Amino acid sequence: MLNTYLEREYSLNQLESHIQKLRKELISVGMKEGFNDSNTVQLSQKLDYFILIYQQLKNSNSNDLTNL
């Protein structure tokens, strides 16, 4: 169980980095191409997807810790 927890923590750290990268890219593309541009909208949806995964993993980690 601890090994699974460590794997999830590593994944969380990776996801945090990826989310930060996507946020910066989204802001840059949005400023250059406009916030209604299809590339901006696509990046926004991609960011939303990764934030959702992050939240689900984080919630799952919290539940694991209460079961230790």
PDB file of N, CA and C in Angstrom:
ATOM      1  N   MET A   1       0.822  -1.193   0.000  1.00  0.00           N
ATOM      2  CA  MET A   1       0.000   0.000   0.000  1.00  0.00           C
ATOM      3  C   MET A   1       0.870   1.264   0.000  1.00  0.00           C
ATOM      4  N   LEU A   2       1.949   1.265   0.755  1.00  0.00           N
ATOM      5  CA  LEU A   2       2.831   2.422   0.809  1.00  0.00           C
ATOM      6  C   LEU A   2       3.452   2.676  -0.561  1.00  0.00           C
ATOM      7  N   ASN A   3       3.814   1.599  -1.259  1.00  0.00           N
ATOM      8  CA  ASN A   3       4.406   1.740  -2.585  1.00  0.00           C
ATOM      9  C   ASN A   3       3.430   2.431  -3.540  1.00  0.00           C
ATOM     10  N   THR A   4       2.162   2.054  -3.481  1.00  0.00           N
ATOM     11  CA  THR A   4       1.139   2.690  -4.312  1.00  0.00           C
ATOM     12  C   THR A   4       1.036   4.164  -3.961  1.00  0.00           C
ATOM     13  N   TYR A   5       1.103   4.486  -2.675  1.00  0.00           N
ATOM     14  CA  TYR A   5       1.042   5.877  -2.231  1.00  0.00           C
ATOM     15  C   TYR A   5       2.210   6.673  -2.811  1.00  0.00           C
ATOM     16  N   LEU A   6       3.416   6.107  -2.765  1.00  0.00           N
ATOM     17  CA  LEU A   6       4.590   6.794  -3.309  1.00  0.00           C
ATOM     18  C   LEU A   6       4.463   6.999  -4.811  1.00  0.00           C
ATOM     19  N   GLU A   7       3.934   6.004  -5.511  1.00  0.00           N
ATOM     20  CA  GLU A   7       3.736   6.126  -6.947  1.00  0.00           C
ATOM     21  C   GLU A   7       2.751   7.247  -7.257  1.00  0.00           C
ATOM     22  N   ARG A   8       1.694   7.353  -6.464  1.00  0.00           N
ATOM     23  CA  ARG A   8       0.705   8.409  -6.681  1.00  0.00           C
ATOM     24  C   ARG A   8       1.288   9.776  -6.368  1.00  0.00           C
ATOM     25  N   GLU A   9       2.104   9.858  -5.327  1.00  0.00           N
ATOM     26  CA  GLU A   9       2.732  11.141  -4.992  1.00  0.00           C
ATOM     27  C   GLU A   9       3.646  11.589  -6.126  1.00  0.00           C
ATOM     28  N   TYR A  10       4.380  10.641  -6.686  1.00  0.00           N
ATOM     29  CA  TYR A  10       5.255  10.964  -7.811  1.00  0.00           C
ATOM     30  C   TYR A  10       4.415  11.441  -8.992  1.00  0.00           C
ATOM     31  N   SER A  11       3.330  10.758  -9.236  1.00  0.00           N
ATOM     32  CA  SER A  11       2.428  11.149 -10.314  1.00  0.00           C
ATOM     33  C   SER A  11       1.848  12.535 -10.060  1.00  0.00           C
ATOM     34  N   LEU A  12       1.505  12.831  -8.810  1.00  0.00           N
ATOM     35  CA  LEU A  12       0.982  14.146  -8.472  1.00  0.00           C
ATOM     36  C   LEU A  12       2.001  15.229  -8.780  1.00  0.00           C
ATOM     37  N   ASN A  13       3.247  14.984  -8.415  1.00  0.00           N
ATOM     38  CA  ASN A  13       4.298  15.961  -8.697  1.00  0.00           C
ATOM     39  C   ASN A  13       4.473  16.164 -10.199  1.00  0.00           C
ATOM     40  N   GLN A  14       4.432  15.077 -10.943  1.00  0.00           N
ATOM     41  CA  GLN A  14       4.544  15.176 -12.396  1.00  0.00           C
ATOM     42  C   GLN A  14       3.362  15.956 -12.973  1.00  0.00           C
ATOM     43  N   LEU A  15       2.173  15.656 -12.475  1.00  0.00           N
ATOM     44  CA  LEU A  15       0.986  16.347 -12.955  1.00  0.00           C
ATOM     45  C   LEU A  15       1.035  17.839 -12.626  1.00  0.00           C
ATOM     46  N   GLU A  16       1.498  18.177 -11.425  1.00  0.00           N
ATOM     47  CA  GLU A  16       1.618  19.589 -11.051  1.00  0.00           C
ATOM     48  C   GLU A  16       2.518  20.331 -12.029  1.00  0.00           C
ATOM     49  N   SER A  17       3.635  19.729 -12.367  1.00  0.00           N
ATOM     50  CA  SER A  17       4.565  20.345 -13.316  1.00  0.00           C
ATOM     51  C   SER A  17       3.924  20.497 -14.686  1.00  0.00           C
ATOM     52  N   HIS A  18       3.234  19.468 -15.121  1.00  0.00           N
ATOM     53  CA  HIS A  18       2.590  19.497 -16.427  1.00  0.00           C
ATOM     54  C   HIS A  18       1.479  20.562 -16.459  1.00  0.00           C
ATOM     55  N   ILE A  19       0.723  20.659 -15.392  1.00  0.00           N
ATOM     56  CA  ILE A  19      -0.354  21.653 -15.303  1.00  0.00           C
ATOM     57  C   ILE A  19       0.217  23.063 -15.347  1.00  0.00           C
ATOM     58  N   GLN A  20       1.301  23.299 -14.641  1.00  0.00           N
ATOM     59  CA  GLN A  20       1.928  24.624 -14.666  1.00  0.00           C
ATOM     60  C   GLN A  20       2.417  24.973 -16.067  1.00  0.00           C
ATOM     61  N   LYS A  21       2.997  23.990 -16.753  1.00  0.00           N
ATOM     62  CA  LYS A  21       3.470  24.201 -18.128  1.00  0.00           C
ATOM     63  C   LYS A  21       2.293  24.535 -19.048  1.00  0.00           C
ATOM     64  N   LEU A  22       1.198  23.782 -18.911  1.00  0.00           N
ATOM     65  CA  LEU A  22       0.023  24.028 -19.740  1.00  0.00           C
ATOM     66  C   LEU A  22      -0.583  25.400 -19.458  1.00  0.00           C
ATOM     67  N   ARG A  23      -0.600  25.808 -18.189  1.00  0.00           N
ATOM     68  CA  ARG A  23      -1.138  27.130 -17.838  1.00  0.00           C
ATOM     69  C   ARG A  23      -0.349  28.242 -18.523  1.00  0.00           C
ATOM     70  N   LYS A  24       0.960  28.133 -18.472  1.00  0.00           N
ATOM     71  CA  LYS A  24       1.806  29.145 -19.115  1.00  0.00           C
ATOM     72  C   LYS A  24       1.568  29.160 -20.619  1.00  0.00           C
ATOM     73  N   GLU A  25       1.479  27.978 -21.205  1.00  0.00           N
ATOM     74  CA  GLU A  25       1.241  27.880 -22.645  1.00  0.00           C
ATOM     75  C   GLU A  25      -0.124  28.463 -23.007  1.00  0.00           C
ATOM     76  N   LEU A  26      -1.131  28.164 -22.192  1.00  0.00           N
ATOM     77  CA  LEU A  26      -2.481  28.669 -22.431  1.00  0.00           C
ATOM     78  C   LEU A  26      -2.505  30.195 -22.407  1.00  0.00           C
ATOM     79  N   ILE A  27      -1.862  30.782 -21.424  1.00  0.00           N
ATOM     80  CA  ILE A  27      -1.816  32.242 -21.324  1.00  0.00           C
ATOM     81  C   ILE A  27      -1.117  32.835 -22.543  1.00  0.00           C
ATOM     82  N   SER A  28      -0.003  32.245 -22.928  1.00  0.00           N
ATOM     83  CA  SER A  28       0.754  32.735 -24.073  1.00  0.00           C
ATOM     84  C   SER A  28      -0.062  32.648 -25.362  1.00  0.00           C
ATOM     85  N   VAL A  29      -0.667  31.499 -25.606  1.00  0.00           N
ATOM     86  CA  VAL A  29      -1.459  31.309 -26.822  1.00  0.00           C
ATOM     87  C   VAL A  29      -2.684  32.223 -26.792  1.00  0.00           C
ATOM     88  N   GLY A  30      -3.316  32.330 -25.638  1.00  0.00           N
ATOM     89  CA  GLY A  30      -4.490  33.185 -25.517  1.00  0.00           C
ATOM     90  C   GLY A  30      -4.180  34.640 -25.799  1.00  0.00           C
ATOM     91  N   MET A  31      -3.041  35.109 -25.325  1.00  0.00           N
ATOM     92  CA  MET A  31      -2.649  36.498 -25.553  1.00  0.00           C
ATOM     93  C   MET A  31      -2.299  36.754 -27.020  1.00  0.00           C
ATOM     94  N   LYS A  32      -1.708  35.758 -27.674  1.00  0.00           N
ATOM     95  CA  LYS A  32      -1.297  35.923 -29.072  1.00  0.00           C
ATOM     96  C   LYS A  32      -2.450  35.720 -30.052  1.00  0.00           C
ATOM     97  N   GLU A  33      -3.228  34.674 -29.821  1.00  0.00           N
ATOM     98  CA  GLU A  33      -4.242  34.278 -30.802  1.00  0.00           C
ATOM     99  C   GLU A  33      -5.660  34.676 -30.401  1.00  0.00           C
ATOM    100  N   GLY A  34      -5.845  35.088 -29.164  1.00  0.00           N
ATOM    101  CA  GLY A  34      -7.176  35.442 -28.674  1.00  0.00           C
ATOM    102  C   GLY A  34      -7.772  34.311 -27.858  1.00  0.00           C
ATOM    103  N   PHE A  35      -8.638  34.683 -26.940  1.00  0.00           N
ATOM    104  CA  PHE A  35      -9.187  33.687 -26.016  1.00  0.00           C
ATOM    105  C   PHE A  35     -10.285  32.828 -26.636  1.00  0.00           C
ATOM    106  N   ASN A  36     -10.820  33.239 -27.776  1.00  0.00           N
ATOM    107  CA  ASN A  36     -11.839  32.439 -28.461  1.00  0.00           C
ATOM    108  C   ASN A  36     -11.260  31.602 -29.595  1.00  0.00           C
ATOM    109  N   ASP A  37      -9.964  31.700 -29.826  1.00  0.00           N
ATOM    110  CA  ASP A  37      -9.307  30.933 -30.877  1.00  0.00           C
ATOM    111  C   ASP A  37      -9.394  29.442 -30.575  1.00  0.00           C
ATOM    112  N   SER A  38      -9.518  28.626 -31.606  1.00  0.00           N
ATOM    113  CA  SER A  38      -9.672  27.173 -31.411  1.00  0.00           C
ATOM    114  C   SER A  38      -8.467  26.558 -30.699  1.00  0.00           C
ATOM    115  N   ASN A  39      -7.253  27.052 -30.950  1.00  0.00           N
ATOM    116  CA  ASN A  39      -6.066  26.533 -30.253  1.00  0.00           C
ATOM    117  C   ASN A  39      -6.131  26.844 -28.756  1.00  0.00           C
ATOM    118  N   THR A  40      -6.595  28.039 -28.427  1.00  0.00           N
ATOM    119  CA  THR A  40      -6.714  28.433 -27.022  1.00  0.00           C
ATOM    120  C   THR A  40      -7.757  27.573 -26.315  1.00  0.00           C
ATOM    121  N   VAL A  41      -8.884  27.393 -26.980  1.00  0.00           N
ATOM    122  CA  VAL A  41      -9.961  26.583 -26.395  1.00  0.00           C
ATOM    123  C   VAL A  41      -9.496  25.141 -26.213  1.00  0.00           C
ATOM    124  N   GLN A  42      -8.790  24.613 -27.196  1.00  0.00           N
ATOM    125  CA  GLN A  42      -8.285  23.236 -27.111  1.00  0.00           C
ATOM    126  C   GLN A  42      -7.299  23.088 -25.945  1.00  0.00           C
ATOM    127  N   LEU A  43      -6.408  24.059 -25.790  1.00  0.00           N
ATOM    128  CA  LEU A  43      -5.455  24.023 -24.672  1.00  0.00           C
ATOM    129  C   LEU A  43      -6.180  24.129 -23.330  1.00  0.00           C
ATOM    130  N   SER A  44      -7.203  24.966 -23.286  1.00  0.00           N
ATOM    131  CA  SER A  44      -7.977  25.125 -22.056  1.00  0.00           C
ATOM    132  C   SER A  44      -8.651  23.808 -21.665  1.00  0.00           C
ATOM    133  N   GLN A  45      -9.203  23.119 -22.642  1.00  0.00           N
ATOM    134  CA  GLN A  45      -9.846  21.827 -22.382  1.00  0.00           C
ATOM    135  C   GLN A  45      -8.823  20.790 -21.928  1.00  0.00           C
ATOM    136  N   LYS A  46      -7.655  20.821 -22.525  1.00  0.00           N
ATOM    137  CA  LYS A  46      -6.585  19.903 -22.128  1.00  0.00           C
ATOM    138  C   LYS A  46      -6.161  20.183 -20.686  1.00  0.00           C
ATOM    139  N   LEU A  47      -6.030  21.461 -20.344  1.00  0.00           N
ATOM    140  CA  LEU A  47      -5.677  21.838 -18.976  1.00  0.00           C
ATOM    141  C   LEU A  47      -6.751  21.377 -18.001  1.00  0.00           C
ATOM    142  N   ASP A  48      -8.009  21.588 -18.348  1.00  0.00           N
ATOM    143  CA  ASP A  48      -9.116  21.133 -17.496  1.00  0.00           C
ATOM    144  C   ASP A  48      -9.032  19.632 -17.235  1.00  0.00           C
ATOM    145  N   TYR A  49      -8.722  18.869 -18.269  1.00  0.00           N
ATOM    146  CA  TYR A  49      -8.614  17.417 -18.156  1.00  0.00           C
ATOM    147  C   TYR A  49      -7.528  17.021 -17.158  1.00  0.00           C
ATOM    148  N   PHE A  50      -6.361  17.648 -17.269  1.00  0.00           N
ATOM    149  CA  PHE A  50      -5.266  17.306 -16.366  1.00  0.00           C
ATOM    150  C   PHE A  50      -5.527  17.775 -14.934  1.00  0.00           C
ATOM    151  N   ILE A  51      -6.215  18.886 -14.779  1.00  0.00           N
ATOM    152  CA  ILE A  51      -6.589  19.345 -13.432  1.00  0.00           C
ATOM    153  C   ILE A  51      -7.559  18.354 -12.804  1.00  0.00           C
ATOM    154  N   LEU A  52      -8.499  17.845 -13.587  1.00  0.00           N
ATOM    155  CA  LEU A  52      -9.449  16.854 -13.079  1.00  0.00           C
ATOM    156  C   LEU A  52      -8.727  15.583 -12.625  1.00  0.00           C
ATOM    157  N   ILE A  53      -7.799  15.108 -13.438  1.00  0.00           N
ATOM    158  CA  ILE A  53      -7.021  13.913 -13.065  1.00  0.00           C
ATOM    159  C   ILE A  53      -6.254  14.177 -11.768  1.00  0.00           C
ATOM    160  N   TYR A  54      -5.634  15.354 -11.687  1.00  0.00           N
ATOM    161  CA  TYR A  54      -4.875  15.726 -10.494  1.00  0.00           C
ATOM    162  C   TYR A  54      -5.777  15.704  -9.253  1.00  0.00           C
ATOM    163  N   GLN A  55      -6.949  16.298  -9.365  1.00  0.00           N
ATOM    164  CA  GLN A  55      -7.864  16.355  -8.222  1.00  0.00           C
ATOM    165  C   GLN A  55      -8.319  14.955  -7.810  1.00  0.00           C
ATOM    166  N   GLN A  56      -8.581  14.112  -8.790  1.00  0.00           N
ATOM    167  CA  GLN A  56      -9.004  12.745  -8.482  1.00  0.00           C
ATOM    168  C   GLN A  56      -7.888  11.972  -7.782  1.00  0.00           C
ATOM    169  N   LEU A  57      -6.662  12.113  -8.269  1.00  0.00           N
ATOM    170  CA  LEU A  57      -5.528  11.434  -7.636  1.00  0.00           C
ATOM    171  C   LEU A  57      -5.288  11.969  -6.223  1.00  0.00           C
ATOM    172  N   LYS A  58      -5.366  13.284  -6.084  1.00  0.00           N
ATOM    173  CA  LYS A  58      -5.136  13.894  -4.777  1.00  0.00           C
ATOM    174  C   LYS A  58      -6.194  13.426  -3.774  1.00  0.00           C
ATOM    175  N   ASN A  59      -7.427  13.374  -4.205  1.00  0.00           N
ATOM    176  CA  ASN A  59      -8.506  12.900  -3.347  1.00  0.00           C
ATOM    177  C   ASN A  59      -8.306  11.436  -2.979  1.00  0.00           C
ATOM    178  N   SER A  60      -7.865  10.658  -3.937  1.00  0.00           N
ATOM    179  CA  SER A  60      -7.604   9.240  -3.695  1.00  0.00           C
ATOM    180  C   SER A  60      -6.451   9.068  -2.703  1.00  0.00           C
ATOM    181  N   ASN A  61      -5.426   9.935  -2.792  1.00  0.00           N
ATOM    182  CA  ASN A  61      -4.310   9.889  -1.841  1.00  0.00           C
ATOM    183  C   ASN A  61      -4.771  10.241  -0.436  1.00  0.00           C
ATOM    184  N   SER A  62      -5.633  11.211  -0.316  1.00  0.00           N
ATOM    185  CA  SER A  62      -6.143  11.609   0.998  1.00  0.00           C
ATOM    186  C   SER A  62      -6.901  10.455   1.638  1.00  0.00           C
ATOM    187  N   ASN A  63      -7.679   9.758   0.834  1.00  0.00           N
ATOM    188  CA  ASN A  63      -8.431   8.613   1.349  1.00  0.00           C
ATOM    189  C   ASN A  63      -7.495   7.495   1.779  1.00  0.00           C
ATOM    190  N   ASP A  64      -6.406   7.281   1.043  1.00  0.00           N
ATOM    191  CA  ASP A  64      -5.437   6.244   1.412  1.00  0.00           C
ATOM    192  C   ASP A  64      -4.765   6.565   2.743  1.00  0.00           C
ATOM    193  N   LEU A  65      -4.445   7.812   2.970  1.00  0.00           N
ATOM    194  CA  LEU A  65      -3.771   8.196   4.209  1.00  0.00           C
ATOM    195  C   LEU A  65      -4.653   7.995   5.426  1.00  0.00           C
ATOM    196  N   THR A  66      -5.952   8.179   5.274  1.00  0.00           N
ATOM    197  CA  THR A  66      -6.838   7.974   6.419  1.00  0.00           C
ATOM    198  C   THR A  66      -7.001   6.497   6.733  1.00  0.00           C
ATOM    199  N   ASN A  67      -6.630   5.638   5.783  1.00  0.00           N
ATOM    200  CA  ASN A  67      -6.755   4.192   5.996  1.00  0.00           C
ATOM    201  C   ASN A  67      -5.476   3.566   6.552  1.00  0.00           C
ATOM    202  N   LEU A  68      -4.425   4.368   6.755  1.00  0.00           N
ATOM    203  CA  LEU A  68      -3.155   3.815   7.275  1.00  0.00           C
ATOM    204  C   LEU A  68      -3.257   3.490   8.741  1.00  0.00           C
TER     205      LEU A  68
END
